[in-house]
Structure formats: structure tokens, C-alpha cells
């Protein structure tokens, strides 16, 4: 076995974590463009775009010439384990406190379960007329929730980028000092 005794310098999981950290917060980009990219990804990811969030995120980031990878990764904040039990109810709850809604006079889940493909347009029209104010409350609430989380993640990404860039500059200065000290030590050794 040729590679039997070869061991990785670092375990695989931490290396993958560092790789994604460096991809998410690229060093060659400034803190503001990366933070804006993350905010756009979070905002579009949380809005009820139903399957086209990634395409909309890429198009928006391209339009504003922002880094695409941080925005695309952050748009995945809205995955089924987070969007349905947390974000959508929070958006609907927020919207109901802003938009006045009437009590629903229909069994919404029963109507949706009993709906056939041929009845879909009529059922959706009926639901829009009966529950239009609830839909408006949901959209208004999700816009507010998406904006709030986008602002929060903007500041988190901005802070993380500033900290990462400061650490990189500190490490580079320390490496430069170590190289200069080693060079001076070699020159003193030759001079004697």
C-alpha cells in the first residue's frame, strides 16, 4: 500500500469548514460588497419565491455587480426545516398585526386536499376572493421579516469580513516579521 502511512495534516471536517468560510467571505472582496451580497441572498431567499429564489438571487447580484457565491449560499436560509415552521408563520403573524383580516369562512386545508387538477383555477380564484386579505397579510409580513433578517445578516457579514481581513493582515505582518528576523539571523551567521 503506497499511501497507507500518509496522514492528513488536518482532519477533513475542519478543512471543509475553512474552505466554505473562505468561499463565503472571499478575501479579495471588500466587506461592503460581500455583506450586500449576503443581504440580497437572505432577502430573496426568505420572500415567497417558491423555487426561483436562486435564479432571482443570481440575476440581482449580477445586475448590481456583487459577489455571487456569498449571496447564493445565504439564499439557502429558506429551506423547508426553517421556512415552514419558523419564517412563514412569523411573516404571517407580523402581517396580521398590520393588515386587518377577516375570519376565514372555509376549511382551507380541506379545500386544498379535495382540489383536483381540473378545478385548480376556479379553486384558486375562490381562495383569492375569500382569503385575499390573508394573502396580503402574509406578503406584507414576509417583506418585513425578510428585510429585518437581511439587515441583520448584512451587519453580521460585514463584521465577519472586517474581522477576517484584520486577522489576515495581522498574520501577514507576523509572517513578514518572521521572514525578516530569519534573514537577519542568516546574514549575522554569514558575517561572523
Foldseek 3Di string as FASTA:
>chain_A
DVCPPDDDPDDDVVVVVVVVVCQLQPLVDALQLSLLLLLLLLLLLLAPPPPCSLVVSQVVCVVVVGDNRNSNVNSVVNDVVDRVPHLQVQLLVQLCVVFPFDDQPDDVVVLVVPDDPVCVVVSVVVCCVRGVSSVVSSNNSSNVVSNVVSVVSSVVSSVSNVVVNVVVVVVVVVVVVVVVVVVVVVVVVVVD
